[in-house]
Amino acid sequence: RNVDPAQLLQQFRSAYVACFDASVAVLQSAPEAAAMRETDELRLVDTDDFERDLAIGKLSAGAACNCSQQPIALDRRLAALLRVPRISQDDNPLYPRTLFSAMLQALNAMDVREQLALILLHAFEYQTSVELPAVYADLNRFLVQAGVLPTIPLAGPVSAPRSGTPDQTGGGVDGMSGW
């Protein structure tokens, strides 16, 4: 079965918007909702789900690394924008994980076989790897121009573990968890 690019793009857009909206809703909800989400993650996972999660995690980590410090700055700026103390990479709807999860959801909605979906997901990562750093830089630039934490240094929390003290912008030693 052929994958229609226009239909895939529409499915991807729908899936990404749904993922983004759900992430923002969780971030803005009461602390009980976040705790429930964490306990929901403690469940048995079947082999296919594990393989998908592993692929998404690997691709996300590679993409984030390729983007240098831009996603970390977005974590901080989005937290300031949403008025929450901190956003982890897994909770940030702008982080590559959300992009790759949305693409996989779009492929699944189109009834693409699992192995083909994973191959297409890798192709998607390959295609986006060149453009994603510029997209994140543009997002950060837009937020800075809008006045959202215009003075945080992009390399802010990197030096914090060496000194052992948290920085003044809220990242600190804890701000690098997940890297």
N, C-alpha and C. Protein backbone atom coordinates (compact mmCIF):
# COMPACT_ATOMS: atom_id res chain seq x y z
N ARG A 1 0.84 -1.17 0.00
CA ARG A 1 0.00 0.00 0.00
C ARG A 1 0.89 1.24 0.00
N ASN A 2 0.57 2.20 -0.84
CA ASN A 2 1.33 3.44 -0.94
C ASN A 2 0.89 4.43 0.13
N VAL A 3 1.85 5.24 0.57
CA VAL A 3 1.57 6.27 1.55
C VAL A 3 1.41 7.59 0.79
N ASP A 4 0.23 8.18 0.87
CA ASP A 4 -0.05 9.45 0.21
C ASP A 4 0.60 10.57 1.03
N PRO A 5 1.56 11.31 0.44
CA PRO A 5 2.26 12.36 1.19
C PRO A 5 1.33 13.45 1.73
N ALA A 6 0.34 13.85 0.95
CA ALA A 6 -0.58 14.90 1.41
C ALA A 6 -1.40 14.41 2.61
N GLN A 7 -1.85 13.16 2.53
CA GLN A 7 -2.62 12.60 3.65
C GLN A 7 -1.73 12.44 4.88
N LEU A 8 -0.50 12.01 4.66
CA LEU A 8 0.44 11.86 5.78
C LEU A 8 0.70 13.20 6.44
N LEU A 9 0.89 14.25 5.65
CA LEU A 9 1.13 15.58 6.20
C LEU A 9 -0.07 16.03 7.03
N GLN A 10 -1.27 15.81 6.53
CA GLN A 10 -2.47 16.19 7.27
C GLN A 10 -2.60 15.39 8.57
N GLN A 11 -2.34 14.09 8.50
CA GLN A 11 -2.39 13.24 9.71
C GLN A 11 -1.33 13.69 10.71
N PHE A 12 -0.13 14.02 10.21
CA PHE A 12 0.95 14.47 11.08
C PHE A 12 0.56 15.78 11.78
N ARG A 13 0.03 16.73 11.02
CA ARG A 13 -0.39 18.01 11.61
C ARG A 13 -1.41 17.78 12.72
N SER A 14 -2.41 16.96 12.42
CA SER A 14 -3.47 16.69 13.41
C SER A 14 -2.89 16.03 14.66
N ALA A 15 -2.01 15.04 14.45
CA ALA A 15 -1.41 14.33 15.58
C ALA A 15 -0.52 15.26 16.40
N TYR A 16 0.26 16.12 15.72
CA TYR A 16 1.15 17.02 16.44
C TYR A 16 0.36 18.03 17.27
N VAL A 17 -0.68 18.61 16.67
CA VAL A 17 -1.50 19.58 17.40
C VAL A 17 -2.14 18.91 18.62
N ALA A 18 -2.63 17.69 18.45
CA ALA A 18 -3.24 16.96 19.58
C ALA A 18 -2.20 16.70 20.67
N CYS A 19 -0.99 16.26 20.29
CA CYS A 19 0.08 16.03 21.27
C CYS A 19 0.47 17.32 21.98
N PHE A 20 0.61 18.40 21.20
CA PHE A 20 0.99 19.69 21.77
C PHE A 20 -0.06 20.16 22.77
N ASP A 21 -1.32 20.14 22.36
CA ASP A 21 -2.40 20.59 23.24
C ASP A 21 -2.48 19.75 24.51
N ALA A 22 -2.33 18.43 24.38
CA ALA A 22 -2.38 17.55 25.55
C ALA A 22 -1.22 17.84 26.50
N SER A 23 -0.03 18.06 25.95
CA SER A 23 1.13 18.38 26.79
C SER A 23 0.95 19.68 27.54
N VAL A 24 0.47 20.70 26.85
CA VAL A 24 0.25 22.00 27.50
C VAL A 24 -0.82 21.87 28.58
N ALA A 25 -1.88 21.11 28.30
CA ALA A 25 -2.94 20.91 29.30
C ALA A 25 -2.39 20.24 30.56
N VAL A 26 -1.54 19.24 30.38
CA VAL A 26 -0.94 18.56 31.54
C VAL A 26 -0.04 19.53 32.31
N LEU A 27 0.75 20.32 31.59
CA LEU A 27 1.64 21.26 32.25
C LEU A 27 0.89 22.31 33.05
N GLN A 28 -0.28 22.71 32.57
CA GLN A 28 -1.05 23.74 33.25
C GLN A 28 -2.02 23.18 34.27
N SER A 29 -2.15 21.85 34.34
CA SER A 29 -3.09 21.25 35.27
C SER A 29 -2.53 21.21 36.69
N ALA A 30 -3.34 20.75 37.59
CA ALA A 30 -2.94 20.63 38.99
C ALA A 30 -1.83 19.59 39.13
N PRO A 31 -1.03 19.68 40.20
CA PRO A 31 0.04 18.72 40.43
C PRO A 31 -0.45 17.27 40.48
N GLU A 32 -1.71 17.07 40.88
CA GLU A 32 -2.24 15.70 40.95
C GLU A 32 -2.26 15.05 39.58
N ALA A 33 -2.54 15.85 38.54
CA ALA A 33 -2.58 15.30 37.18
C ALA A 33 -1.20 14.84 36.75
N ALA A 34 -0.18 15.60 37.10
CA ALA A 34 1.19 15.19 36.75
C ALA A 34 1.57 13.92 37.49
N ALA A 35 1.17 13.81 38.75
CA ALA A 35 1.46 12.59 39.52
C ALA A 35 0.74 11.39 38.92
N MET A 36 -0.49 11.57 38.47
CA MET A 36 -1.23 10.48 37.85
C MET A 36 -0.56 10.05 36.56
N ARG A 37 -0.05 11.01 35.80
CA ARG A 37 0.64 10.68 34.55
C ARG A 37 1.89 9.87 34.83
N GLU A 38 2.62 10.23 35.89
CA GLU A 38 3.82 9.49 36.24
C GLU A 38 3.50 8.06 36.64
N THR A 39 2.45 7.85 37.43
CA THR A 39 2.11 6.49 37.82
C THR A 39 1.56 5.71 36.65
N ASP A 40 0.96 6.38 35.69
CA ASP A 40 0.46 5.72 34.49
C ASP A 40 1.63 5.15 33.68
N GLU A 41 2.80 5.77 33.79
CA GLU A 41 3.96 5.30 33.06
C GLU A 41 4.52 4.00 33.64
N LEU A 42 4.15 3.66 34.86
CA LEU A 42 4.63 2.45 35.51
C LEU A 42 3.68 1.28 35.21
N ARG A 43 3.76 0.77 33.98
CA ARG A 43 2.90 -0.33 33.57
C ARG A 43 3.69 -1.25 32.66
N LEU A 44 3.18 -2.44 32.49
CA LEU A 44 3.83 -3.36 31.57
C LEU A 44 3.65 -2.87 30.14
N VAL A 45 4.69 -3.03 29.35
CA VAL A 45 4.65 -2.56 27.97
C VAL A 45 4.91 -3.75 27.06
N ASP A 46 4.09 -3.88 26.01
CA ASP A 46 4.33 -5.00 25.10
C ASP A 46 5.54 -4.70 24.22
N THR A 47 6.02 -5.70 23.53
CA THR A 47 7.26 -5.61 22.76
C THR A 47 7.19 -4.54 21.68
N ASP A 48 6.05 -4.45 20.96
CA ASP A 48 5.91 -3.45 19.90
C ASP A 48 5.95 -2.04 20.47
N ASP A 49 5.25 -1.82 21.59
CA ASP A 49 5.28 -0.50 22.23
C ASP A 49 6.69 -0.16 22.68
N PHE A 50 7.39 -1.13 23.24
CA PHE A 50 8.75 -0.91 23.69
C PHE A 50 9.65 -0.53 22.52
N GLU A 51 9.51 -1.24 21.40
CA GLU A 51 10.33 -0.97 20.22
C GLU A 51 10.05 0.44 19.69
N ARG A 52 8.77 0.84 19.66
CA ARG A 52 8.41 2.19 19.21
C ARG A 52 8.99 3.24 20.15
N ASP A 53 8.82 3.03 21.45
CA ASP A 53 9.33 3.99 22.43
C ASP A 53 10.86 4.10 22.37
N LEU A 54 11.50 2.98 22.17
CA LEU A 54 12.96 2.97 22.06
C LEU A 54 13.41 3.75 20.82
N ALA A 55 12.74 3.52 19.69
CA ALA A 55 13.09 4.22 18.46
C ALA A 55 12.86 5.73 18.62
N ILE A 56 11.73 6.10 19.19
CA ILE A 56 11.44 7.52 19.39
C ILE A 56 12.45 8.14 20.35
N GLY A 57 12.78 7.45 21.42
CA GLY A 57 13.77 7.96 22.37
C GLY A 57 15.13 8.15 21.74
N LYS A 58 15.56 7.18 20.95
CA LYS A 58 16.87 7.26 20.31
C LYS A 58 16.90 8.41 19.29
N LEU A 59 15.87 8.50 18.47
CA LEU A 59 15.83 9.57 17.47
C LEU A 59 15.73 10.94 18.13
N SER A 60 14.95 11.04 19.20
CA SER A 60 14.79 12.31 19.91
C SER A 60 16.10 12.76 20.54
N ALA A 61 16.79 11.84 21.16
CA ALA A 61 18.07 12.19 21.79
C ALA A 61 19.07 12.66 20.74
N GLY A 62 19.12 11.97 19.62
CA GLY A 62 20.03 12.38 18.55
C GLY A 62 19.68 13.74 17.99
N ALA A 63 18.39 13.97 17.78
CA ALA A 63 17.95 15.26 17.25
C ALA A 63 18.24 16.39 18.23
N ALA A 64 17.97 16.15 19.50
CA ALA A 64 18.23 17.18 20.52
C ALA A 64 19.71 17.50 20.61
N CYS A 65 20.54 16.48 20.53
CA CYS A 65 21.99 16.68 20.57
C CYS A 65 22.44 17.50 19.36
N ASN A 66 21.86 17.21 18.21
CA ASN A 66 22.18 17.93 16.98
C ASN A 66 21.77 19.39 17.06
N CYS A 67 20.79 19.68 17.90
CA CYS A 67 20.26 21.05 18.03
C CYS A 67 21.01 21.86 19.07
N SER A 68 22.06 21.32 19.64
CA SER A 68 22.88 22.01 20.63
C SER A 68 22.06 22.41 21.84
N GLN A 69 22.14 23.64 22.26
CA GLN A 69 21.47 24.11 23.48
C GLN A 69 20.08 24.69 23.21
N GLN A 70 19.65 24.74 21.96
CA GLN A 70 18.37 25.35 21.63
C GLN A 70 17.18 24.72 22.37
N PRO A 71 17.05 23.39 22.44
CA PRO A 71 15.90 22.82 23.17
C PRO A 71 15.90 23.15 24.66
N ILE A 72 17.08 23.28 25.27
CA ILE A 72 17.16 23.64 26.69
C ILE A 72 16.63 25.05 26.89
N ALA A 73 17.00 25.96 26.01
CA ALA A 73 16.48 27.32 26.09
C ALA A 73 14.97 27.32 25.89
N LEU A 74 14.47 26.49 24.98
CA LEU A 74 13.03 26.40 24.77
C LEU A 74 12.32 25.86 26.01
N ASP A 75 12.94 24.88 26.69
CA ASP A 75 12.37 24.36 27.94
C ASP A 75 12.14 25.51 28.92
N ARG A 76 13.15 26.32 29.09
CA ARG A 76 13.07 27.43 30.04
C ARG A 76 12.07 28.49 29.60
N ARG A 77 12.10 28.82 28.33
CA ARG A 77 11.19 29.88 27.84
C ARG A 77 9.75 29.41 27.87
N LEU A 78 9.50 28.16 27.50
CA LEU A 78 8.13 27.65 27.54
C LEU A 78 7.63 27.59 28.98
N ALA A 79 8.50 27.20 29.91
CA ALA A 79 8.11 27.18 31.33
C ALA A 79 7.73 28.59 31.78
N ALA A 80 8.51 29.59 31.38
CA ALA A 80 8.19 30.97 31.75
C ALA A 80 6.88 31.41 31.10
N LEU A 81 6.68 31.04 29.87
CA LEU A 81 5.47 31.41 29.14
C LEU A 81 4.23 30.80 29.78
N LEU A 82 4.34 29.54 30.21
CA LEU A 82 3.21 28.84 30.82
C LEU A 82 3.11 29.08 32.32
N ARG A 83 4.10 29.80 32.86
CA ARG A 83 4.15 30.11 34.30
C ARG A 83 4.18 28.84 35.16
N VAL A 84 5.04 27.93 34.76
CA VAL A 84 5.29 26.73 35.55
C VAL A 84 6.76 26.75 35.95
N PRO A 85 7.11 26.13 37.07
CA PRO A 85 8.48 26.22 37.56
C PRO A 85 9.52 25.59 36.63
N ARG A 86 9.16 24.50 35.99
CA ARG A 86 10.16 23.77 35.21
C ARG A 86 9.44 22.86 34.23
N ILE A 87 10.04 22.67 33.06
CA ILE A 87 9.51 21.73 32.08
C ILE A 87 10.65 20.78 31.71
N SER A 88 10.38 19.51 31.82
CA SER A 88 11.39 18.53 31.41
C SER A 88 11.30 18.34 29.90
N GLN A 89 12.31 17.73 29.36
CA GLN A 89 12.32 17.47 27.91
C GLN A 89 11.17 16.57 27.51
N ASP A 90 10.82 15.61 28.35
CA ASP A 90 9.72 14.71 28.03
C ASP A 90 8.37 15.42 28.05
N ASP A 91 8.26 16.50 28.82
CA ASP A 91 7.00 17.24 28.92
C ASP A 91 6.90 18.39 27.92
N ASN A 92 8.01 18.79 27.34
CA ASN A 92 8.01 19.93 26.42
C ASN A 92 7.44 19.52 25.07
N PRO A 93 6.30 20.10 24.69
CA PRO A 93 5.68 19.73 23.42
C PRO A 93 6.47 20.21 22.20
N LEU A 94 7.50 21.02 22.41
CA LEU A 94 8.34 21.47 21.31
C LEU A 94 9.57 20.59 21.13
N TYR A 95 9.78 19.68 22.04
CA TYR A 95 10.95 18.80 22.00
C TYR A 95 10.80 17.77 20.86
N PRO A 96 11.89 17.31 20.28
CA PRO A 96 11.81 16.36 19.15
C PRO A 96 10.95 15.12 19.42
N ARG A 97 10.89 14.67 20.66
CA ARG A 97 10.10 13.47 20.98
C ARG A 97 8.65 13.64 20.51
N THR A 98 8.10 14.83 20.70
CA THR A 98 6.72 15.08 20.29
C THR A 98 6.58 15.01 18.77
N LEU A 99 7.56 15.53 18.06
CA LEU A 99 7.54 15.45 16.59
C LEU A 99 7.53 14.00 16.12
N PHE A 100 8.43 13.21 16.68
CA PHE A 100 8.55 11.82 16.24
C PHE A 100 7.34 10.99 16.68
N SER A 101 6.82 11.27 17.87
CA SER A 101 5.61 10.57 18.32
C SER A 101 4.44 10.90 17.42
N ALA A 102 4.31 12.16 17.04
CA ALA A 102 3.21 12.57 16.16
C ALA A 102 3.33 11.92 14.79
N MET A 103 4.55 11.81 14.28
CA MET A 103 4.73 11.16 12.97
C MET A 103 4.34 9.69 13.06
N LEU A 104 4.74 9.02 14.13
CA LEU A 104 4.38 7.61 14.29
C LEU A 104 2.87 7.45 14.44
N GLN A 105 2.24 8.35 15.18
CA GLN A 105 0.78 8.32 15.30
C GLN A 105 0.12 8.51 13.95
N ALA A 106 0.64 9.43 13.14
CA ALA A 106 0.09 9.68 11.81
C ALA A 106 0.21 8.44 10.93
N LEU A 107 1.35 7.78 10.98
CA LEU A 107 1.55 6.57 10.19
C LEU A 107 0.63 5.45 10.66
N ASN A 108 0.46 5.34 11.97
CA ASN A 108 -0.45 4.32 12.51
C ASN A 108 -1.90 4.61 12.11
N ALA A 109 -2.28 5.89 12.08
CA ALA A 109 -3.64 6.27 11.68
C ALA A 109 -3.90 5.92 10.22
N MET A 110 -2.83 5.85 9.45
CA MET A 110 -2.96 5.50 8.03
C MET A 110 -2.80 3.99 7.81
N ASP A 111 -2.78 3.22 8.88
CA ASP A 111 -2.65 1.76 8.83
C ASP A 111 -1.36 1.29 8.15
N VAL A 112 -0.29 2.04 8.37
CA VAL A 112 1.02 1.63 7.84
C VAL A 112 1.55 0.54 8.76
N ARG A 113 2.07 -0.52 8.16
CA ARG A 113 2.62 -1.63 8.95
C ARG A 113 3.72 -1.12 9.88
N GLU A 114 3.86 -1.80 11.01
CA GLU A 114 4.78 -1.36 12.07
C GLU A 114 6.22 -1.20 11.56
N GLN A 115 6.74 -2.18 10.86
CA GLN A 115 8.13 -2.10 10.41
C GLN A 115 8.32 -0.97 9.40
N LEU A 116 7.37 -0.81 8.50
CA LEU A 116 7.44 0.28 7.53
C LEU A 116 7.33 1.63 8.25
N ALA A 117 6.47 1.72 9.25
CA ALA A 117 6.33 2.95 10.02
C ALA A 117 7.65 3.34 10.68
N LEU A 118 8.36 2.37 11.23
CA LEU A 118 9.65 2.66 11.87
C LEU A 118 10.70 3.09 10.85
N ILE A 119 10.66 2.49 9.68
CA ILE A 119 11.59 2.89 8.60
C ILE A 119 11.28 4.32 8.17
N LEU A 120 10.00 4.63 7.99
CA LEU A 120 9.60 5.98 7.61
C LEU A 120 9.92 6.99 8.71
N LEU A 121 9.82 6.57 9.95
CA LEU A 121 10.18 7.44 11.07
C LEU A 121 11.66 7.80 11.02
N HIS A 122 12.50 6.83 10.71
CA HIS A 122 13.94 7.10 10.57
C HIS A 122 14.19 8.03 9.39
N ALA A 123 13.47 7.85 8.31
CA ALA A 123 13.61 8.73 7.14
C ALA A 123 13.17 10.15 7.50
N PHE A 124 12.11 10.26 8.29
CA PHE A 124 11.63 11.57 8.75
C PHE A 124 12.70 12.25 9.58
N GLU A 125 13.32 11.51 10.47
CA GLU A 125 14.39 12.07 11.30
C GLU A 125 15.55 12.54 10.43
N TYR A 126 15.90 11.75 9.45
CA TYR A 126 17.00 12.11 8.55
C TYR A 126 16.68 13.41 7.81
N GLN A 127 15.44 13.53 7.34
CA GLN A 127 15.04 14.73 6.61
C GLN A 127 14.96 15.96 7.50
N THR A 128 14.55 15.78 8.74
CA THR A 128 14.40 16.93 9.64
C THR A 128 15.69 17.31 10.34
N SER A 129 16.67 16.42 10.36
CA SER A 129 17.88 16.69 11.13
C SER A 129 18.62 17.93 10.65
N VAL A 130 18.53 18.24 9.39
CA VAL A 130 19.22 19.42 8.86
C VAL A 130 18.46 20.70 9.22
N GLU A 131 17.14 20.65 9.19
CA GLU A 131 16.32 21.85 9.40
C GLU A 131 15.97 22.13 10.87
N LEU A 132 15.92 21.10 11.68
CA LEU A 132 15.44 21.26 13.05
C LEU A 132 16.25 22.26 13.89
N PRO A 133 17.58 22.27 13.81
CA PRO A 133 18.32 23.28 14.60
C PRO A 133 17.89 24.71 14.25
N ALA A 134 17.68 24.99 12.97
CA ALA A 134 17.26 26.34 12.56
C ALA A 134 15.83 26.64 13.04
N VAL A 135 14.97 25.63 13.05
CA VAL A 135 13.60 25.81 13.54
C VAL A 135 13.64 26.19 15.02
N TYR A 136 14.44 25.45 15.81
CA TYR A 136 14.54 25.76 17.23
C TYR A 136 15.17 27.13 17.47
N ALA A 137 16.17 27.49 16.68
CA ALA A 137 16.78 28.81 16.80
C ALA A 137 15.75 29.90 16.48
N ASP A 138 14.93 29.67 15.45
CA ASP A 138 13.89 30.64 15.10
C ASP A 138 12.84 30.75 16.21
N LEU A 139 12.45 29.62 16.79
CA LEU A 139 11.48 29.65 17.91
C LEU A 139 12.04 30.44 19.08
N ASN A 140 13.31 30.17 19.42
CA ASN A 140 13.94 30.92 20.52
C ASN A 140 14.01 32.40 20.19
N ARG A 141 14.40 32.74 18.97
CA ARG A 141 14.49 34.13 18.56
C ARG A 141 13.12 34.82 18.65
N PHE A 142 12.08 34.13 18.21
CA PHE A 142 10.72 34.67 18.28
C PHE A 142 10.32 34.94 19.73
N LEU A 143 10.59 33.99 20.62
CA LEU A 143 10.24 34.15 22.03
C LEU A 143 11.04 35.28 22.68
N VAL A 144 12.33 35.40 22.31
CA VAL A 144 13.15 36.49 22.83
C VAL A 144 12.58 37.83 22.38
N GLN A 145 12.22 37.94 21.11
CA GLN A 145 11.64 39.19 20.60
C GLN A 145 10.30 39.50 21.25
N ALA A 146 9.60 38.45 21.70
CA ALA A 146 8.32 38.64 22.40
C ALA A 146 8.54 38.93 23.87
N GLY A 147 9.81 38.95 24.32
CA GLY A 147 10.12 39.29 25.70
C GLY A 147 10.11 38.11 26.66
N VAL A 148 10.11 36.89 26.16
CA VAL A 148 10.10 35.70 27.02
C VAL A 148 11.54 35.30 27.33
N LEU A 149 11.98 35.60 28.53
CA LEU A 149 13.35 35.33 29.02
C LEU A 149 14.42 35.70 27.98
N PRO A 150 14.48 36.96 27.63
CA PRO A 150 15.44 37.36 26.60
C PRO A 150 16.90 37.27 27.02
N THR A 151 17.17 37.15 28.33
CA THR A 151 18.56 37.22 28.77
C THR A 151 19.17 35.89 29.18
N ILE A 152 18.46 34.78 29.07
CA ILE A 152 19.10 33.53 29.48
C ILE A 152 20.16 33.15 28.46
N PRO A 153 21.32 32.75 28.93
CA PRO A 153 22.35 32.31 28.00
C PRO A 153 22.00 30.90 27.51
N LEU A 154 22.27 30.62 26.25
CA LEU A 154 21.94 29.30 25.70
C LEU A 154 22.74 28.20 26.38
N ALA A 155 23.92 28.52 26.90
CA ALA A 155 24.74 27.50 27.55
C ALA A 155 24.62 27.58 29.06
N GLY A 156 23.60 28.25 29.59
CA GLY A 156 23.44 28.51 31.01
C GLY A 156 23.72 27.36 31.94
N PRO A 157 22.91 26.28 31.92
CA PRO A 157 23.09 25.25 32.93
C PRO A 157 24.28 24.33 32.70
N VAL A 158 24.96 24.44 31.58
CA VAL A 158 26.07 23.52 31.32
C VAL A 158 27.18 23.69 32.35
N SER A 159 27.44 24.92 32.79
CA SER A 159 28.52 25.13 33.75
C SER A 159 28.09 24.85 35.19
N ALA A 160 26.80 24.73 35.44
CA ALA A 160 26.31 24.55 36.80
C ALA A 160 26.83 23.28 37.47
N PRO A 161 26.88 22.11 36.79
CA PRO A 161 27.36 20.92 37.49
C PRO A 161 28.81 21.04 37.95
N ARG A 162 29.62 21.80 37.25
CA ARG A 162 31.02 21.94 37.66
C ARG A 162 31.12 22.68 38.99
N SER A 163 30.31 23.72 39.17
CA SER A 163 30.40 24.50 40.39
C SER A 163 29.59 23.86 41.52
N GLY A 164 28.60 23.03 41.14
CA GLY A 164 27.80 22.37 42.15
C GLY A 164 26.70 23.25 42.72
N THR A 165 26.51 24.46 42.16
CA THR A 165 25.45 25.34 42.66
C THR A 165 24.47 25.63 41.53
N PRO A 166 23.19 25.75 41.87
CA PRO A 166 22.22 26.07 40.84
C PRO A 166 22.39 27.50 40.35
N ASP A 167 22.02 27.73 39.06
CA ASP A 167 22.12 29.09 38.55
C ASP A 167 20.89 29.89 38.98
N GLN A 168 20.87 31.16 38.69
CA GLN A 168 19.80 32.03 39.16
C GLN A 168 18.56 32.00 38.28
N THR A 169 18.58 31.32 37.13
CA THR A 169 17.42 31.31 36.24
C THR A 169 16.54 30.11 36.45
N GLY A 170 16.84 29.28 37.42
CA GLY A 170 15.96 28.15 37.74
C GLY A 170 16.40 26.85 37.14
N GLY A 171 17.45 26.82 36.32
CA GLY A 171 17.88 25.56 35.71
C GLY A 171 18.72 24.76 36.67
N GLY A 172 19.84 25.29 37.04
CA GLY A 172 20.71 24.68 38.03
C GLY A 172 21.13 23.28 37.66
N VAL A 173 21.59 22.57 38.64
CA VAL A 173 22.05 21.21 38.46
C VAL A 173 20.90 20.34 37.99
N ASP A 174 19.74 20.53 38.56
CA ASP A 174 18.56 19.76 38.21
C ASP A 174 18.12 20.03 36.78
N GLY A 175 18.38 21.22 36.25
CA GLY A 175 17.91 21.61 34.93
C GLY A 175 18.47 20.77 33.81
N MET A 176 19.51 20.00 34.07
CA MET A 176 20.11 19.19 33.03
C MET A 176 19.69 17.73 33.13
N SER A 177 18.76 17.39 34.01
CA SER A 177 18.35 15.98 34.12
C SER A 177 17.78 15.52 32.80
N GLY A 178 18.07 14.31 32.43
CA GLY A 178 17.61 13.77 31.17
C GLY A 178 18.66 13.84 30.08
N TRP A 179 19.77 14.60 30.31
CA TRP A 179 20.81 14.68 29.27
C TRP A 179 21.88 13.70 29.55
